[in-house]
C-alpha cells in the first residue's frame, strides 16, 4: 500500500460481502439444463464467471438470437431472489467492517445488484449502518459498475487516490483502475484465486486480512 492515507473503502457486494456462490449455482444450473447444457460445479463456475454477465452467459453457450438477456435475468432472479435472505456474510466481513469503522474510514458499497434489492439485503444482514451509502444498478442485467462508481465518487466527494476498492472479480480491479483507485481482491467469491492473481492486483485469502492491509488512521 501507498503511504497515502486510505479515507474510503468501497466494497463490492456479491461474493465479497455476501456468500451467495451456492445460491448462484442453484439458480443458473436449471437455466443451463433447460438449454441442454451441462450444469457447473463451483470450480467450473469460478473459472468462467465475469462481467458483463451477458458475455459470461455467451461463454456458457447461450444463443442471444434465441433468448434475451432480460429473459435470462428474469429467470435467474425468479430462483435467486426468494432464497437471497438465507445467504450469510463471508467469514471475517463483520469484523473487518467494525475494524475499518473504528479506524475512521468511510465505507461504501458499489454493486452490480439492483439498487432496491441491494439495500433490502444489506438491511436484512444487519450491516447497512456501516455504510455511508450503497450504490447498485437500476436493472438486473449486471453490466459494468464504472458509471455508478463515478456517481458515487462525485456524490460523496471521494478522492480516488485515498480510496480502496475491495472485490472478488477482475471487473472490480477494472472498475478501480478506471476510477483512479487502488484495489484489493479476495479469493472467497466468484472467481478463482488464479484468475485474481493474474490481474496483478493484491489478493487476500479473506476479508479478515483487510484492516491490516488498508491500514489505520495513518494509512499504513
Protein backbone atom coordinates (compact mmCIF):
# COMPACT_ATOMS: atom_id res chain seq x y z
CA UNK A 1 0.00 0.00 0.00
CA UNK A 2 0.99 3.58 -0.52
CA UNK A 3 1.89 5.76 2.43
CA UNK A 4 -1.11 7.90 1.50
CA UNK A 5 -4.00 7.68 3.92
CA UNK A 6 -6.95 5.49 2.95
CA UNK A 7 -10.05 7.55 3.75
CA UNK A 8 -12.73 5.49 1.98
CA UNK A 9 -13.21 1.77 1.44
CA UNK A 10 -15.60 0.81 -1.36
CA UNK A 11 -16.87 -2.75 -1.09
CA UNK A 12 -18.28 -4.94 -3.82
CA UNK A 13 -21.24 -6.93 -2.50
CA UNK A 14 -21.93 -10.36 -4.06
CA UNK A 15 -19.04 -12.70 -3.36
CA UNK A 16 -17.13 -10.09 -1.37
CA UNK A 17 -19.51 -9.33 1.47
CA UNK A 18 -22.26 -11.87 0.71
CA UNK A 19 -21.57 -15.60 0.43
CA UNK A 20 -24.02 -16.40 -2.38
CA UNK A 21 -22.00 -18.72 -4.61
CA UNK A 22 -24.04 -21.85 -3.91
CA UNK A 23 -27.29 -19.94 -4.46
CA UNK A 24 -25.98 -18.66 -7.80
CA UNK A 25 -25.28 -22.23 -8.88
CA UNK A 26 -28.75 -23.35 -7.79
CA UNK A 27 -30.18 -20.52 -9.90
CA UNK A 28 -28.08 -20.79 -13.07
CA UNK A 29 -27.79 -24.58 -13.39
CA UNK A 30 -31.52 -25.02 -14.13
CA UNK A 31 -31.11 -22.45 -16.91
CA UNK A 32 -28.26 -24.48 -18.37
CA UNK A 33 -30.24 -27.70 -18.16
CA UNK A 34 -33.21 -26.13 -19.98
CA UNK A 35 -30.86 -25.25 -22.83
CA UNK A 36 -29.41 -28.78 -22.94
CA UNK A 37 -26.12 -27.54 -21.47
CA UNK A 38 -24.23 -29.29 -18.64
CA UNK A 39 -24.54 -27.91 -15.08
CA UNK A 40 -21.50 -26.34 -13.46
CA UNK A 41 -19.54 -27.19 -10.35
CA UNK A 42 -18.26 -24.43 -8.04
CA UNK A 43 -14.81 -24.69 -9.61
CA UNK A 44 -16.12 -24.52 -13.17
CA UNK A 45 -18.25 -21.51 -12.34
CA UNK A 46 -15.37 -19.63 -10.73
CA UNK A 47 -13.26 -20.26 -13.83
CA UNK A 48 -15.85 -18.81 -16.25
CA UNK A 49 -17.83 -16.11 -14.41
CA UNK A 50 -17.20 -12.48 -15.26
CA UNK A 51 -18.65 -9.12 -16.30
CA UNK A 52 -20.59 -8.09 -18.19
CA UNK A 53 -22.84 -11.02 -17.32
CA UNK A 54 -24.14 -11.22 -20.88
CA UNK A 55 -20.64 -12.21 -22.01
CA UNK A 56 -20.49 -14.85 -19.27
CA UNK A 57 -23.79 -16.34 -20.45
CA UNK A 58 -22.43 -16.33 -24.00
CA UNK A 59 -19.36 -18.27 -22.84
CA UNK A 60 -21.70 -20.81 -21.26
CA UNK A 61 -23.27 -21.43 -24.65
CA UNK A 62 -26.44 -19.31 -24.60
CA UNK A 63 -27.58 -18.03 -28.00
CA UNK A 64 -28.82 -14.45 -27.78
CA UNK A 65 -30.62 -14.82 -31.09
CA UNK A 66 -32.91 -17.27 -29.27
CA UNK A 67 -33.13 -15.76 -25.77
CA UNK A 68 -32.68 -12.21 -24.49
CA UNK A 69 -30.54 -11.11 -21.58
CA UNK A 70 -33.66 -9.64 -19.98
CA UNK A 71 -35.35 -13.08 -20.11
CA UNK A 72 -32.28 -14.80 -18.67
CA UNK A 73 -32.04 -12.24 -15.88
CA UNK A 74 -35.75 -12.64 -15.05
CA UNK A 75 -35.45 -16.44 -14.97
CA UNK A 76 -32.32 -16.29 -12.82
CA UNK A 77 -33.79 -13.93 -10.24
CA UNK A 78 -37.02 -15.93 -10.05
CA UNK A 79 -34.91 -18.62 -8.38
CA UNK A 80 -32.27 -16.43 -6.76
CA UNK A 81 -34.26 -13.70 -5.05
CA UNK A 82 -36.56 -15.87 -2.87
CA UNK A 83 -33.52 -17.51 -1.24
CA UNK A 84 -31.32 -14.43 -1.06
CA UNK A 85 -32.16 -13.80 2.58
CA UNK A 86 -30.65 -17.15 3.54
CA UNK A 87 -27.17 -16.23 2.32
CA UNK A 88 -24.70 -15.35 5.10
CA UNK A 89 -21.86 -12.87 5.29
CA UNK A 90 -18.48 -14.23 4.34
CA UNK A 91 -16.30 -15.10 7.30
CA UNK A 92 -14.34 -12.12 8.53
CA UNK A 93 -16.55 -9.46 6.93
CA UNK A 94 -18.33 -8.34 10.09
CA UNK A 95 -15.05 -7.98 11.96
CA UNK A 96 -13.48 -6.08 9.04
CA UNK A 97 -16.41 -3.67 8.81
CA UNK A 98 -16.14 -2.93 12.50
CA UNK A 99 -12.36 -2.52 12.46
CA UNK A 100 -12.42 -0.18 9.45
CA UNK A 101 -15.10 1.95 11.10
CA UNK A 102 -13.04 2.17 14.27
CA UNK A 103 -10.10 3.28 12.12
CA UNK A 104 -12.19 6.24 10.95
CA UNK A 105 -12.68 5.12 7.35
CA UNK A 106 -15.86 5.82 5.44
CA UNK A 107 -17.30 2.67 3.87
CA UNK A 108 -19.48 2.31 0.77
CA UNK A 109 -20.95 -0.47 -1.36
CA UNK A 110 -20.71 -0.44 -5.16
CA UNK A 111 -22.58 -3.41 -6.58
CA UNK A 112 -23.93 -4.81 -9.85
CA UNK A 113 -27.05 -5.85 -7.91
CA UNK A 114 -30.24 -3.88 -8.50
CA UNK A 115 -30.42 -0.92 -6.09
CA UNK A 116 -33.57 -1.86 -4.18
CA UNK A 117 -32.53 -5.49 -3.78
CA UNK A 118 -29.11 -4.38 -2.59
CA UNK A 119 -30.44 -2.13 0.16
CA UNK A 120 -33.00 -4.73 1.30
CA UNK A 121 -30.32 -7.40 1.51
CA UNK A 122 -27.88 -5.17 3.41
CA UNK A 123 -30.68 -4.32 5.83
CA UNK A 124 -31.55 -7.98 6.31
CA UNK A 125 -27.94 -8.77 7.09
CA UNK A 126 -27.90 -6.07 9.76
CA UNK A 127 -24.90 -4.23 8.31
CA UNK A 128 -26.47 -1.26 6.49
CA UNK A 129 -25.39 1.04 9.33
CA UNK A 130 -21.72 0.53 8.46
CA UNK A 131 -22.07 2.19 5.06
CA UNK A 132 -22.29 5.86 4.22
CA UNK A 133 -24.08 4.82 1.01
CA UNK A 134 -24.80 1.74 -1.09
CA UNK A 135 -24.93 2.10 -4.88
CA UNK A 136 -26.43 -0.62 -7.06
CA UNK A 137 -27.70 -0.61 -10.63
CA UNK A 138 -31.13 0.41 -11.93
CA UNK A 139 -31.72 -3.01 -13.55
CA UNK A 140 -30.94 -6.70 -13.05
CA UNK A 141 -28.64 -7.36 -16.02
CA UNK A 142 -25.38 -6.86 -14.07
CA UNK A 143 -23.31 -4.88 -16.54
CA UNK A 144 -20.40 -2.56 -15.73
CA UNK A 145 -20.26 -0.68 -12.42
CA UNK A 146 -17.97 2.06 -13.71
CA UNK A 147 -20.65 4.69 -14.37
CA UNK A 148 -22.22 4.14 -10.95
CA UNK A 149 -18.78 4.33 -9.42
CA UNK A 150 -18.25 7.75 -10.97
CA UNK A 151 -21.55 8.91 -9.49
CA UNK A 152 -20.53 7.59 -6.07
CA UNK A 153 -17.19 9.39 -6.13
CA UNK A 154 -18.84 12.63 -7.19
CA UNK A 155 -21.79 12.44 -4.79
CA UNK A 156 -19.60 11.91 -1.72
CA UNK A 157 -16.52 13.89 -2.75
CA UNK A 158 -14.30 10.80 -2.61
CA UNK A 159 -10.70 11.43 -3.65
CA UNK A 160 -9.74 8.35 -5.75
CA UNK A 161 -6.11 8.14 -4.54
CA UNK A 162 -7.46 7.97 -0.98
CA UNK A 163 -9.98 5.22 -1.77
CA UNK A 164 -9.61 1.44 -1.83
CA UNK A 165 -11.90 -0.89 -3.82
CA UNK A 166 -12.46 -4.36 -2.31
CA UNK A 167 -13.82 -7.01 -4.66
CA UNK A 168 -13.81 -10.64 -5.72
CA UNK A 169 -13.56 -10.37 -9.52
CA UNK A 170 -11.26 -8.95 -12.17
CA UNK A 171 -14.04 -6.48 -13.00
CA UNK A 172 -13.64 -4.92 -9.56
CA UNK A 173 -9.98 -4.31 -10.36
CA UNK A 174 -11.02 -2.83 -13.74
CA UNK A 175 -13.54 -0.54 -12.04
CA UNK A 176 -10.96 0.65 -9.54
CA UNK A 177 -8.41 1.34 -12.28
CA UNK A 178 -10.96 3.23 -14.39
CA UNK A 179 -11.85 5.39 -11.39
CA UNK A 180 -8.26 6.03 -10.31
CA UNK A 181 -8.47 3.96 -7.11
CA UNK A 182 -6.32 1.18 -5.73
CA UNK A 183 -7.90 -2.24 -5.27
CA UNK A 184 -7.54 -5.49 -3.40
CA UNK A 185 -9.26 -8.76 -4.30
CA UNK A 186 -10.45 -11.57 -2.02
CA UNK A 187 -10.41 -15.22 -3.07
CA UNK A 188 -13.62 -16.24 -1.28
CA UNK A 189 -16.03 -15.19 -4.02
CA UNK A 190 -16.98 -15.66 -7.66
CA UNK A 191 -13.60 -16.05 -9.35
CA UNK A 192 -10.70 -18.39 -8.69
CA UNK A 193 -7.57 -17.26 -6.91
CA UNK A 194 -5.58 -17.93 -10.09
CA UNK A 195 -7.73 -15.53 -12.12
CA UNK A 196 -7.47 -12.85 -9.45
CA UNK A 197 -3.69 -13.14 -9.16
CA UNK A 198 -3.44 -12.85 -12.96
CA UNK A 199 -4.73 -9.26 -12.67
CA UNK A 200 -1.54 -8.22 -10.90
CA UNK A 201 -3.52 -6.61 -8.07
CA UNK A 202 -3.08 -7.57 -4.40
CA UNK A 203 -5.04 -10.67 -3.39
CA UNK A 204 -6.18 -11.64 0.11
CA UNK A 205 -7.43 -15.01 1.30
CA UNK A 206 -10.13 -13.46 3.46
CA UNK A 207 -11.71 -10.13 4.33
CA UNK A 208 -10.33 -10.69 7.82
CA UNK A 209 -6.98 -9.56 6.38
CA UNK A 210 -8.41 -6.30 5.04
CA UNK A 211 -7.99 -3.96 8.06
CA UNK A 212 -4.27 -4.73 8.26
CA UNK A 213 -3.94 -4.25 4.51
CA UNK A 214 -5.82 -0.95 4.47
CA UNK A 215 -4.00 0.34 7.50
CA UNK A 216 -5.13 2.54 10.34
CA UNK A 217 -5.66 6.28 10.53
CA UNK A 218 -2.21 6.96 9.09
CA UNK A 219 -2.93 4.79 6.03
CA UNK A 220 -0.11 2.37 6.83
